[in-house]
């Protein structure tokens, strides 16, 4: 082999060996760099700098406590991707211009893609509210299911989701009531995870509540808006809140009104919260 060909081959081999591996090597590198920046922030021991009303600096000193730990997520929000494949979603979540992300993506085949450390804040909830919480992203884990919104959820996918939810509930002691959907927290603008999502199955496994088999008749003076708010719904748009409640807990029709069945289910459920 000519000497210049050998030199070229060696150069290629060296560059290949030094290059990141895999289709997401570049974004993984960016993730690591950003995480290291956050780690440096956490290790900062500079005391707060404050000025009084006269502009005079208030004395301050850093004294590190020994009693602390990481803040933990308290909610799990389930979405569907509304895209055609897990690969498409992974691409979406690894492009800065999209400004969206999730902690996990679960493929139709059951494969779980862990995209962000559970203690970090993903951008999945958007403008949302649940109970008194208006910054959902800061207190939740976002899970995206590979589903275009028009198809049933695959069995392997749901099985993996249930295993993941069990892990999250145990690890972070997440309350049963705090497993919710995107439509629940943003009823006026979102409909995922959709009418085909098996909320009843999740509730049977301890991830959310479901109504009892035998329902008591809701009283004539039953306050629907108050019951929805007690569960967590934002009732600023009552029609949207009712539609979201029905899609999660009734799953009979998409009408934005409560039938007697819907009233009975709501009356039964709000007493569990």
Protein backbone atom coordinates (compact mmCIF):
# COMPACT_ATOMS: atom_id res chain seq x y z
CA UNK A 1 0.00 0.00 0.00
CA UNK A 2 1.39 3.46 -0.90
CA UNK A 3 2.58 5.51 2.05
CA UNK A 4 0.09 8.35 1.50
CA UNK A 5 -2.80 5.85 1.32
CA UNK A 6 -1.68 4.30 4.61
CA UNK A 7 -1.44 7.73 6.23
CA UNK A 8 -4.95 8.60 5.03
CA UNK A 9 -6.32 5.32 6.39
CA UNK A 10 -4.70 5.89 9.79
CA UNK A 11 -6.10 9.41 9.94
CA UNK A 12 -9.63 8.13 9.22
CA UNK A 13 -9.29 5.41 11.86
CA UNK A 14 -8.09 7.90 14.49
CA UNK A 15 -10.90 10.35 13.73
CA UNK A 16 -13.44 7.54 13.85
CA UNK A 17 -12.14 6.30 17.19
CA UNK A 18 -12.30 9.78 18.65
CA UNK A 19 -15.76 10.59 17.29
CA UNK A 20 -18.91 10.17 19.41
CA UNK A 21 -20.89 7.02 18.68
CA UNK A 22 -24.57 6.59 17.85
CA UNK A 23 -27.24 8.73 16.16
CA UNK A 24 -27.73 10.86 19.30
CA UNK A 25 -24.07 11.28 20.23
CA UNK A 26 -24.13 15.03 19.59
CA UNK A 27 -27.27 15.68 21.62
CA UNK A 28 -26.03 13.40 24.39
CA UNK A 29 -22.87 15.53 24.54
CA UNK A 30 -24.96 18.72 24.80
CA UNK A 31 -27.06 17.11 27.55
CA UNK A 32 -23.93 16.20 29.53
CA UNK A 33 -22.49 19.70 29.19
CA UNK A 34 -25.74 21.31 30.32
CA UNK A 35 -26.02 18.91 33.26
CA UNK A 36 -22.47 19.76 34.30
CA UNK A 37 -23.40 23.45 34.26
CA UNK A 38 -26.35 22.74 36.55
CA UNK A 39 -24.07 20.73 38.83
CA UNK A 40 -21.74 23.72 39.14
CA UNK A 41 -24.72 25.90 40.11
CA UNK A 42 -25.73 23.42 42.81
CA UNK A 43 -22.24 23.47 44.27
CA UNK A 44 -22.07 27.26 44.50
CA UNK A 45 -21.59 28.51 48.06
CA UNK A 46 -21.93 32.22 47.37
CA UNK A 47 -24.37 33.77 49.89
CA UNK A 48 -27.34 35.79 48.70
CA UNK A 49 -26.58 39.45 48.02
CA UNK A 50 -29.25 41.86 49.32
CA UNK A 51 -29.63 45.61 49.62
CA UNK A 52 -31.89 47.36 52.12
CA UNK A 53 -34.26 50.20 51.21
CA UNK A 54 -31.37 52.67 51.50
CA UNK A 55 -29.22 50.73 49.09
CA UNK A 56 -26.89 49.51 51.81
CA UNK A 57 -25.74 45.92 51.54
CA UNK A 58 -27.19 43.60 54.16
CA UNK A 59 -24.52 41.39 55.81
CA UNK A 60 -24.73 37.78 54.59
CA UNK A 61 -22.71 34.61 55.01
CA UNK A 62 -22.92 31.11 53.58
CA UNK A 63 -23.33 28.40 56.25
CA UNK A 64 -24.04 25.04 54.67
CA UNK A 65 -26.66 22.88 56.36
CA UNK A 66 -26.19 19.12 56.60
CA UNK A 67 -29.93 18.42 56.39
CA UNK A 68 -31.10 18.39 52.78
CA UNK A 69 -31.76 16.26 49.73
CA UNK A 70 -32.98 16.68 46.16
CA UNK A 71 -36.43 18.04 45.44
CA UNK A 72 -38.53 15.26 43.93
CA UNK A 73 -41.32 15.06 41.36
CA UNK A 74 -44.83 14.83 42.78
CA UNK A 75 -46.89 14.25 39.62
CA UNK A 76 -46.73 12.11 36.50
CA UNK A 77 -48.32 13.55 33.35
CA UNK A 78 -49.08 11.15 30.50
CA UNK A 79 -49.19 12.30 26.88
CA UNK A 80 -49.40 10.81 23.44
CA UNK A 81 -46.90 12.07 20.89
CA UNK A 82 -49.34 12.74 18.02
CA UNK A 83 -46.52 11.66 15.72
CA UNK A 84 -45.93 8.65 13.51
CA UNK A 85 -42.99 6.95 15.22
CA UNK A 86 -40.78 6.99 18.27
CA UNK A 87 -37.88 8.00 16.03
CA UNK A 88 -39.79 11.09 14.92
CA UNK A 89 -40.45 12.05 18.54
CA UNK A 90 -36.83 11.50 19.57
CA UNK A 91 -35.82 13.82 16.75
CA UNK A 92 -38.37 16.41 17.89
CA UNK A 93 -37.08 16.27 21.45
CA UNK A 94 -33.44 16.62 20.40
CA UNK A 95 -33.91 19.83 18.37
CA UNK A 96 -33.57 23.10 20.26
CA UNK A 97 -36.01 24.94 17.99
CA UNK A 98 -38.95 22.78 19.09
CA UNK A 99 -38.61 23.78 22.77
CA UNK A 100 -40.41 20.61 23.92
CA UNK A 101 -39.22 17.53 25.79
CA UNK A 102 -40.23 14.77 28.17
CA UNK A 103 -38.48 12.59 30.70
CA UNK A 104 -39.54 9.39 28.97
CA UNK A 105 -40.80 8.21 25.61
CA UNK A 106 -42.36 4.74 25.43
CA UNK A 107 -42.39 3.08 22.02
CA UNK A 108 -45.10 0.83 20.61
CA UNK A 109 -42.74 -2.10 21.04
CA UNK A 110 -42.37 -1.34 24.74
CA UNK A 111 -38.90 0.18 24.55
CA UNK A 112 -38.42 2.99 27.07
CA UNK A 113 -36.32 6.00 26.04
CA UNK A 114 -35.13 7.89 29.11
CA UNK A 115 -34.38 11.42 27.88
CA UNK A 116 -33.92 13.50 31.02
CA UNK A 117 -32.90 12.87 34.62
CA UNK A 118 -36.04 12.65 36.74
CA UNK A 119 -34.86 15.50 38.97
CA UNK A 120 -34.54 17.92 36.06
CA UNK A 121 -37.38 19.95 34.52
CA UNK A 122 -38.74 18.80 31.16
CA UNK A 123 -40.80 21.07 28.92
CA UNK A 124 -43.91 18.97 28.42
CA UNK A 125 -46.88 20.57 30.20
CA UNK A 126 -46.99 24.01 28.64
CA UNK A 127 -49.57 26.46 29.95
CA UNK A 128 -51.38 24.27 32.47
CA UNK A 129 -52.95 24.09 35.92
CA UNK A 130 -53.88 21.30 38.32
CA UNK A 131 -55.35 22.29 41.64
CA UNK A 132 -53.25 25.21 42.86
CA UNK A 133 -50.20 24.17 40.82
CA UNK A 134 -49.58 26.40 37.81
CA UNK A 135 -45.97 25.40 37.07
CA UNK A 136 -46.63 21.75 36.30
CA UNK A 137 -43.24 21.18 34.67
CA UNK A 138 -41.39 21.99 37.90
CA UNK A 139 -43.15 19.29 39.91
CA UNK A 140 -43.85 16.52 37.41
CA UNK A 141 -42.42 13.79 35.23
CA UNK A 142 -43.60 13.82 31.64
CA UNK A 143 -44.15 10.55 29.78
CA UNK A 144 -44.86 10.51 26.04
CA UNK A 145 -46.43 7.42 24.44
CA UNK A 146 -45.66 6.79 20.79
CA UNK A 147 -49.18 7.10 19.40
CA UNK A 148 -50.65 9.30 16.69
CA UNK A 149 -53.88 9.83 18.61
CA UNK A 150 -55.97 7.73 16.25
CA UNK A 151 -54.93 4.20 17.16
CA UNK A 152 -55.20 1.83 20.13
CA UNK A 153 -52.24 1.69 22.48
CA UNK A 154 -50.06 -1.39 21.97
CA UNK A 155 -50.08 -4.02 24.71
CA UNK A 156 -46.29 -4.05 24.98
CA UNK A 157 -46.33 -0.28 25.33
CA UNK A 158 -48.90 -0.26 28.13
CA UNK A 159 -47.08 -3.07 29.94
CA UNK A 160 -43.85 -1.06 29.89
CA UNK A 161 -45.72 2.05 30.99
CA UNK A 162 -47.19 0.22 33.99
CA UNK A 163 -43.73 -1.01 34.99
CA UNK A 164 -42.32 2.50 34.63
CA UNK A 165 -45.16 4.01 36.68
CA UNK A 166 -44.60 1.45 39.44
CA UNK A 167 -40.92 2.41 39.52
CA UNK A 168 -41.71 6.13 39.68
CA UNK A 169 -44.40 5.76 42.33
CA UNK A 170 -42.12 3.72 44.57
CA UNK A 171 -38.99 5.81 44.00
CA UNK A 172 -40.60 9.21 44.58
CA UNK A 173 -43.60 8.24 46.72
CA UNK A 174 -45.98 9.82 44.22
CA UNK A 175 -49.58 9.88 45.53
CA UNK A 176 -52.13 7.70 43.75
CA UNK A 177 -54.20 10.72 42.74
CA UNK A 178 -51.26 12.40 41.00
CA UNK A 179 -51.12 10.28 37.86
CA UNK A 180 -52.88 12.47 35.32
CA UNK A 181 -53.09 13.24 31.62
CA UNK A 182 -52.17 16.23 29.51
CA UNK A 183 -55.83 17.06 28.88
CA UNK A 184 -56.47 17.05 32.62
CA UNK A 185 -53.99 19.88 33.20
CA UNK A 186 -54.76 21.81 29.97
CA UNK A 187 -58.40 21.03 29.18
CA UNK A 188 -58.96 24.00 26.87
CA UNK A 189 -56.15 23.12 24.49
CA UNK A 190 -55.14 19.43 24.77
CA UNK A 191 -56.91 16.07 24.32
CA UNK A 192 -54.12 13.58 24.98
CA UNK A 193 -53.64 10.83 25.95
CA UNK A 194 -57.05 10.47 24.32
CA UNK A 195 -60.23 8.45 24.59
CA UNK A 196 -58.50 5.12 23.93
CA UNK A 197 -56.11 5.40 26.85
CA UNK A 198 -56.78 2.71 29.52
CA UNK A 199 -57.23 4.89 32.60
CA UNK A 200 -59.31 2.22 34.34
CA UNK A 201 -56.47 -0.28 34.03
CA UNK A 202 -54.02 2.24 35.47
CA UNK A 203 -56.33 2.90 38.40
CA UNK A 204 -56.60 -0.83 39.07
CA UNK A 205 -52.79 -0.88 39.35
CA UNK A 206 -52.72 2.08 41.73
CA UNK A 207 -52.03 4.92 39.29
CA UNK A 208 -55.00 7.26 39.63
CA UNK A 209 -58.54 6.72 40.82
CA UNK A 210 -61.61 5.19 39.19
CA UNK A 211 -65.26 5.22 40.15
CA UNK A 212 -66.80 2.38 42.11
CA UNK A 213 -68.86 -0.28 40.31
CA UNK A 214 -71.98 0.67 42.26
CA UNK A 215 -72.70 4.39 42.07
CA UNK A 216 -74.84 6.48 44.35
CA UNK A 217 -77.20 8.92 42.68
CA UNK A 218 -75.80 12.44 42.71
CA UNK A 219 -77.99 14.79 44.78
CA UNK A 220 -80.10 17.42 43.03
CA UNK A 221 -78.06 20.28 44.47
CA UNK A 222 -74.70 18.69 43.57
CA UNK A 223 -72.17 21.41 42.72
CA UNK A 224 -70.38 20.16 39.61
CA UNK A 225 -67.87 23.01 39.37
CA UNK A 226 -66.75 22.63 42.98
CA UNK A 227 -66.36 18.86 42.59
CA UNK A 228 -64.23 19.30 39.46
CA UNK A 229 -62.02 21.84 41.25
CA UNK A 230 -61.58 19.53 44.23
CA UNK A 231 -60.30 16.82 41.90
CA UNK A 232 -57.88 19.30 40.34
CA UNK A 233 -59.49 20.65 37.18
CA UNK A 234 -59.22 24.28 36.15
CA UNK A 235 -62.86 25.33 35.72
CA UNK A 236 -62.15 28.69 34.11
CA UNK A 237 -63.62 27.03 31.00
CA UNK A 238 -66.34 24.79 32.47
CA UNK A 239 -67.14 23.10 29.17
CA UNK A 240 -63.51 22.13 28.61
CA UNK A 241 -63.16 20.90 32.20
CA UNK A 242 -66.23 18.66 31.83
CA UNK A 243 -64.95 17.28 28.52
CA UNK A 244 -61.56 16.49 30.08
CA UNK A 245 -63.18 14.82 33.09
CA UNK A 246 -65.38 12.68 30.85
CA UNK A 247 -62.52 11.62 28.60
CA UNK A 248 -60.52 10.48 31.62
CA UNK A 249 -63.15 9.05 33.95
CA UNK A 250 -66.29 8.26 31.92
CA UNK A 251 -65.08 7.45 28.37
CA UNK A 252 -68.58 6.98 26.97
CA UNK A 253 -68.98 9.96 24.65
CA UNK A 254 -67.26 13.22 23.75
CA UNK A 255 -70.18 15.51 24.53
CA UNK A 256 -69.26 18.44 26.80
CA UNK A 257 -72.26 17.81 29.05
CA UNK A 258 -72.65 15.50 32.02
CA UNK A 259 -75.33 12.85 31.73
CA UNK A 260 -76.78 11.28 34.87
CA UNK A 261 -74.04 8.64 34.63
CA UNK A 262 -71.39 11.35 34.42
CA UNK A 263 -72.87 13.16 37.42
CA UNK A 264 -72.88 9.96 39.43
CA UNK A 265 -69.27 9.19 38.49
CA UNK A 266 -68.17 12.71 39.46
CA UNK A 267 -70.07 12.53 42.74
CA UNK A 268 -68.38 9.22 43.53
CA UNK A 269 -64.90 10.30 42.53
CA UNK A 270 -64.60 13.71 44.14
CA UNK A 271 -65.11 12.09 47.53
CA UNK A 272 -61.89 10.11 46.98
CA UNK A 273 -59.76 13.25 46.67
